[in-house]
Amino acid sequence: MEEKRYTYRSDTEKKSLTNRLNRIEGQIGGIRKMIEEERYCDDILIQLQAVNKSIKSLANVLLENHMYKCVTEEFEKGNTDIIEEVISLFRRFQ
């Protein structure tokens, strides 16, 4: 069984990430409403692209935090296996 790991985040970090997720949820709700209202495909596709960009932006923030915080901490503890984790993570992003 794989060990469950955690990342401590300050209240400020949690609030920032939660705000981003709330915006994404709002965008998704807006797209759902557009579909229900039979809006033009082009308009919906533009909004889908905006959601995609928002998700990528959130992923980049999390990745940056992961590199500066989690990876650095593990490397300082002497855990060089973290390098394989990072390589695997980057492969998933491709």
N, C-alpha and C. Protein backbone atom coordinates (compact mmCIF):
# COMPACT_ATOMS: atom_id res chain seq x y z
N MET A 1 0.85 -1.19 0.00
CA MET A 1 0.00 0.00 0.00
C MET A 1 0.89 1.24 0.00
N GLU A 2 0.55 2.18 -0.85
CA GLU A 2 1.34 3.40 -0.96
C GLU A 2 1.09 4.33 0.22
N GLU A 3 2.16 4.94 0.68
CA GLU A 3 2.07 5.87 1.81
C GLU A 3 1.31 7.12 1.40
N LYS A 4 0.39 7.54 2.25
CA LYS A 4 -0.37 8.76 2.00
C LYS A 4 0.48 9.95 2.41
N ARG A 5 0.64 10.89 1.49
CA ARG A 5 1.47 12.05 1.78
C ARG A 5 0.61 13.31 1.80
N TYR A 6 1.09 14.30 2.51
CA TYR A 6 0.36 15.55 2.67
C TYR A 6 1.27 16.72 2.38
N THR A 7 0.67 17.84 2.01
CA THR A 7 1.39 19.09 1.83
C THR A 7 0.74 20.14 2.70
N TYR A 8 1.52 20.73 3.60
CA TYR A 8 0.99 21.83 4.40
C TYR A 8 0.90 23.06 3.52
N ARG A 9 -0.25 23.73 3.59
CA ARG A 9 -0.45 24.99 2.88
C ARG A 9 -0.95 26.02 3.88
N SER A 10 -0.41 27.21 3.77
CA SER A 10 -0.87 28.28 4.66
C SER A 10 -2.31 28.62 4.32
N ASP A 11 -2.97 29.32 5.23
CA ASP A 11 -4.34 29.76 4.97
C ASP A 11 -4.41 30.63 3.72
N THR A 12 -3.39 31.45 3.51
CA THR A 12 -3.35 32.32 2.32
C THR A 12 -3.26 31.48 1.05
N GLU A 13 -2.41 30.45 1.06
CA GLU A 13 -2.28 29.58 -0.11
C GLU A 13 -3.60 28.85 -0.39
N LYS A 14 -4.20 28.30 0.68
CA LYS A 14 -5.46 27.58 0.51
C LYS A 14 -6.54 28.50 -0.05
N LYS A 15 -6.60 29.72 0.47
CA LYS A 15 -7.61 30.67 0.00
C LYS A 15 -7.39 31.00 -1.47
N SER A 16 -6.15 31.22 -1.87
CA SER A 16 -5.85 31.53 -3.27
C SER A 16 -6.23 30.37 -4.19
N LEU A 17 -5.87 29.14 -3.81
CA LEU A 17 -6.21 27.97 -4.62
C LEU A 17 -7.72 27.75 -4.66
N THR A 18 -8.38 27.93 -3.53
CA THR A 18 -9.83 27.77 -3.48
C THR A 18 -10.53 28.82 -4.34
N ASN A 19 -10.04 30.05 -4.31
CA ASN A 19 -10.62 31.10 -5.16
C ASN A 19 -10.50 30.75 -6.63
N ARG A 20 -9.34 30.22 -7.03
CA ARG A 20 -9.16 29.81 -8.42
C ARG A 20 -10.14 28.70 -8.78
N LEU A 21 -10.28 27.72 -7.89
CA LEU A 21 -11.22 26.62 -8.15
C LEU A 21 -12.66 27.12 -8.22
N ASN A 22 -13.01 28.06 -7.37
CA ASN A 22 -14.36 28.63 -7.42
C ASN A 22 -14.62 29.33 -8.75
N ARG A 23 -13.61 30.05 -9.26
CA ARG A 23 -13.77 30.70 -10.56
C ARG A 23 -13.97 29.67 -11.67
N ILE A 24 -13.19 28.59 -11.60
CA ILE A 24 -13.32 27.53 -12.61
C ILE A 24 -14.71 26.90 -12.53
N GLU A 25 -15.18 26.63 -11.33
CA GLU A 25 -16.53 26.08 -11.16
C GLU A 25 -17.57 27.04 -11.74
N GLY A 26 -17.37 28.33 -11.52
CA GLY A 26 -18.29 29.33 -12.08
C GLY A 26 -18.27 29.32 -13.60
N GLN A 27 -17.07 29.19 -14.16
CA GLN A 27 -16.96 29.12 -15.62
C GLN A 27 -17.68 27.88 -16.16
N ILE A 28 -17.50 26.75 -15.50
CA ILE A 28 -18.17 25.51 -15.93
C ILE A 28 -19.69 25.67 -15.85
N GLY A 29 -20.15 26.27 -14.76
CA GLY A 29 -21.59 26.52 -14.63
C GLY A 29 -22.11 27.42 -15.73
N GLY A 30 -21.32 28.41 -16.10
CA GLY A 30 -21.71 29.31 -17.19
C GLY A 30 -21.80 28.56 -18.51
N ILE A 31 -20.87 27.65 -18.73
CA ILE A 31 -20.90 26.86 -19.97
C ILE A 31 -22.12 25.95 -19.99
N ARG A 32 -22.43 25.35 -18.85
CA ARG A 32 -23.63 24.50 -18.76
C ARG A 32 -24.88 25.30 -19.13
N LYS A 33 -24.95 26.52 -18.60
CA LYS A 33 -26.09 27.39 -18.88
C LYS A 33 -26.14 27.76 -20.36
N MET A 34 -24.98 28.02 -20.94
CA MET A 34 -24.92 28.35 -22.37
C MET A 34 -25.46 27.20 -23.22
N ILE A 35 -25.11 25.98 -22.84
CA ILE A 35 -25.60 24.81 -23.57
C ILE A 35 -27.11 24.68 -23.42
N GLU A 36 -27.60 24.86 -22.19
CA GLU A 36 -29.04 24.79 -21.95
C GLU A 36 -29.79 25.86 -22.73
N GLU A 37 -29.17 27.01 -22.90
CA GLU A 37 -29.78 28.13 -23.63
C GLU A 37 -29.55 28.04 -25.14
N GLU A 38 -28.93 26.94 -25.56
CA GLU A 38 -28.66 26.70 -26.98
C GLU A 38 -27.83 27.81 -27.62
N ARG A 39 -26.84 28.27 -26.89
CA ARG A 39 -25.96 29.32 -27.41
C ARG A 39 -25.11 28.79 -28.55
N TYR A 40 -24.60 29.69 -29.33
CA TYR A 40 -23.82 29.38 -30.52
C TYR A 40 -22.54 28.63 -30.13
N CYS A 41 -22.19 27.60 -30.90
CA CYS A 41 -21.04 26.73 -30.61
C CYS A 41 -19.75 27.52 -30.41
N ASP A 42 -19.52 28.50 -31.25
CA ASP A 42 -18.31 29.30 -31.18
C ASP A 42 -18.16 29.95 -29.81
N ASP A 43 -19.25 30.49 -29.28
CA ASP A 43 -19.23 31.13 -27.97
C ASP A 43 -18.88 30.14 -26.86
N ILE A 44 -19.44 28.94 -26.96
CA ILE A 44 -19.17 27.90 -25.96
C ILE A 44 -17.72 27.45 -26.05
N LEU A 45 -17.23 27.27 -27.26
CA LEU A 45 -15.84 26.85 -27.44
C LEU A 45 -14.86 27.88 -26.87
N ILE A 46 -15.17 29.14 -27.03
CA ILE A 46 -14.31 30.20 -26.47
C ILE A 46 -14.29 30.09 -24.95
N GLN A 47 -15.44 29.83 -24.35
CA GLN A 47 -15.49 29.68 -22.89
C GLN A 47 -14.78 28.42 -22.42
N LEU A 48 -14.87 27.35 -23.21
CA LEU A 48 -14.14 26.13 -22.87
C LEU A 48 -12.63 26.37 -22.89
N GLN A 49 -12.18 27.15 -23.85
CA GLN A 49 -10.76 27.48 -23.91
C GLN A 49 -10.35 28.31 -22.70
N ALA A 50 -11.22 29.18 -22.24
CA ALA A 50 -10.93 29.98 -21.05
C ALA A 50 -10.80 29.07 -19.82
N VAL A 51 -11.66 28.06 -19.72
CA VAL A 51 -11.58 27.11 -18.61
C VAL A 51 -10.27 26.33 -18.70
N ASN A 52 -9.93 25.90 -19.89
CA ASN A 52 -8.69 25.16 -20.09
C ASN A 52 -7.49 25.99 -19.63
N LYS A 53 -7.48 27.25 -19.98
CA LYS A 53 -6.40 28.14 -19.59
C LYS A 53 -6.37 28.32 -18.06
N SER A 54 -7.53 28.43 -17.45
CA SER A 54 -7.62 28.57 -15.99
C SER A 54 -7.08 27.33 -15.28
N ILE A 55 -7.41 26.16 -15.80
CA ILE A 55 -6.94 24.91 -15.21
C ILE A 55 -5.42 24.79 -15.36
N LYS A 56 -4.92 25.13 -16.54
CA LYS A 56 -3.47 25.08 -16.75
C LYS A 56 -2.75 26.05 -15.82
N SER A 57 -3.32 27.21 -15.62
CA SER A 57 -2.72 28.20 -14.74
C SER A 57 -2.68 27.67 -13.30
N LEU A 58 -3.76 27.06 -12.85
CA LEU A 58 -3.80 26.47 -11.52
C LEU A 58 -2.77 25.35 -11.39
N ALA A 59 -2.67 24.50 -12.41
CA ALA A 59 -1.69 23.42 -12.40
C ALA A 59 -0.27 23.98 -12.31
N ASN A 60 0.00 25.07 -13.02
CA ASN A 60 1.33 25.68 -12.98
C ASN A 60 1.65 26.23 -11.59
N VAL A 61 0.67 26.83 -10.94
CA VAL A 61 0.88 27.34 -9.59
C VAL A 61 1.19 26.19 -8.64
N LEU A 62 0.43 25.11 -8.74
CA LEU A 62 0.66 23.94 -7.89
C LEU A 62 2.02 23.30 -8.17
N LEU A 63 2.38 23.22 -9.44
CA LEU A 63 3.67 22.64 -9.80
C LEU A 63 4.82 23.48 -9.26
N GLU A 64 4.71 24.79 -9.41
CA GLU A 64 5.75 25.67 -8.89
C GLU A 64 5.89 25.52 -7.38
N ASN A 65 4.76 25.52 -6.68
CA ASN A 65 4.79 25.34 -5.22
C ASN A 65 5.39 23.98 -4.86
N HIS A 66 5.03 22.96 -5.62
CA HIS A 66 5.56 21.62 -5.36
C HIS A 66 7.08 21.59 -5.50
N MET A 67 7.57 22.24 -6.55
CA MET A 67 9.03 22.25 -6.78
C MET A 67 9.75 23.01 -5.67
N TYR A 68 9.25 24.17 -5.33
CA TYR A 68 9.93 25.00 -4.32
C TYR A 68 9.79 24.44 -2.90
N LYS A 69 8.65 23.81 -2.62
CA LYS A 69 8.39 23.38 -1.25
C LYS A 69 8.68 21.88 -1.09
N CYS A 70 7.86 21.05 -1.66
CA CYS A 70 7.92 19.61 -1.42
C CYS A 70 9.22 18.98 -1.93
N VAL A 71 9.55 19.28 -3.18
CA VAL A 71 10.74 18.67 -3.77
C VAL A 71 11.99 19.14 -3.04
N THR A 72 12.07 20.43 -2.76
CA THR A 72 13.23 20.96 -2.05
C THR A 72 13.37 20.32 -0.68
N GLU A 73 12.28 20.20 0.06
CA GLU A 73 12.31 19.60 1.39
C GLU A 73 12.79 18.14 1.33
N GLU A 74 12.26 17.39 0.38
CA GLU A 74 12.65 15.98 0.26
C GLU A 74 14.12 15.84 -0.14
N PHE A 75 14.55 16.70 -1.04
CA PHE A 75 15.94 16.64 -1.48
C PHE A 75 16.88 16.99 -0.33
N GLU A 76 16.49 17.97 0.48
CA GLU A 76 17.31 18.35 1.64
C GLU A 76 17.37 17.23 2.67
N LYS A 77 16.34 16.39 2.73
CA LYS A 77 16.34 15.23 3.64
C LYS A 77 17.19 14.08 3.09
N GLY A 78 17.68 14.26 1.87
CA GLY A 78 18.48 13.21 1.25
C GLY A 78 17.67 12.24 0.40
N ASN A 79 16.42 12.51 0.19
CA ASN A 79 15.56 11.65 -0.61
C ASN A 79 15.75 11.98 -2.09
N THR A 80 16.68 11.27 -2.73
CA THR A 80 16.92 11.52 -4.16
C THR A 80 15.88 10.84 -5.04
N ASP A 81 15.04 9.97 -4.46
CA ASP A 81 13.95 9.36 -5.23
C ASP A 81 12.97 10.41 -5.72
N ILE A 82 12.99 11.56 -5.09
CA ILE A 82 12.08 12.65 -5.49
C ILE A 82 12.33 13.07 -6.94
N ILE A 83 13.55 12.87 -7.41
CA ILE A 83 13.87 13.21 -8.80
C ILE A 83 13.04 12.37 -9.76
N GLU A 84 12.91 11.08 -9.47
CA GLU A 84 12.08 10.20 -10.31
C GLU A 84 10.63 10.66 -10.29
N GLU A 85 10.15 11.10 -9.14
CA GLU A 85 8.78 11.60 -9.03
C GLU A 85 8.59 12.81 -9.94
N VAL A 86 9.55 13.72 -9.91
CA VAL A 86 9.46 14.93 -10.73
C VAL A 86 9.50 14.58 -12.22
N ILE A 87 10.38 13.66 -12.60
CA ILE A 87 10.46 13.24 -14.01
C ILE A 87 9.13 12.65 -14.44
N SER A 88 8.56 11.79 -13.60
CA SER A 88 7.26 11.18 -13.90
C SER A 88 6.17 12.23 -14.03
N LEU A 89 6.22 13.22 -13.16
CA LEU A 89 5.23 14.29 -13.19
C LEU A 89 5.31 15.08 -14.50
N PHE A 90 6.53 15.40 -14.92
CA PHE A 90 6.70 16.14 -16.17
C PHE A 90 6.25 15.31 -17.37
N ARG A 91 6.46 14.01 -17.33
CA ARG A 91 6.01 13.14 -18.43
C ARG A 91 4.48 13.19 -18.53
N ARG A 92 3.81 13.26 -17.41
CA ARG A 92 2.33 13.32 -17.43
C ARG A 92 1.84 14.62 -18.03
N PHE A 93 2.62 15.68 -17.90
CA PHE A 93 2.22 16.99 -18.41
C PHE A 93 2.40 17.09 -19.92
N GLN A 94 3.11 16.16 -20.52
CA GLN A 94 3.36 16.23 -21.97
C GLN A 94 2.18 15.77 -22.76
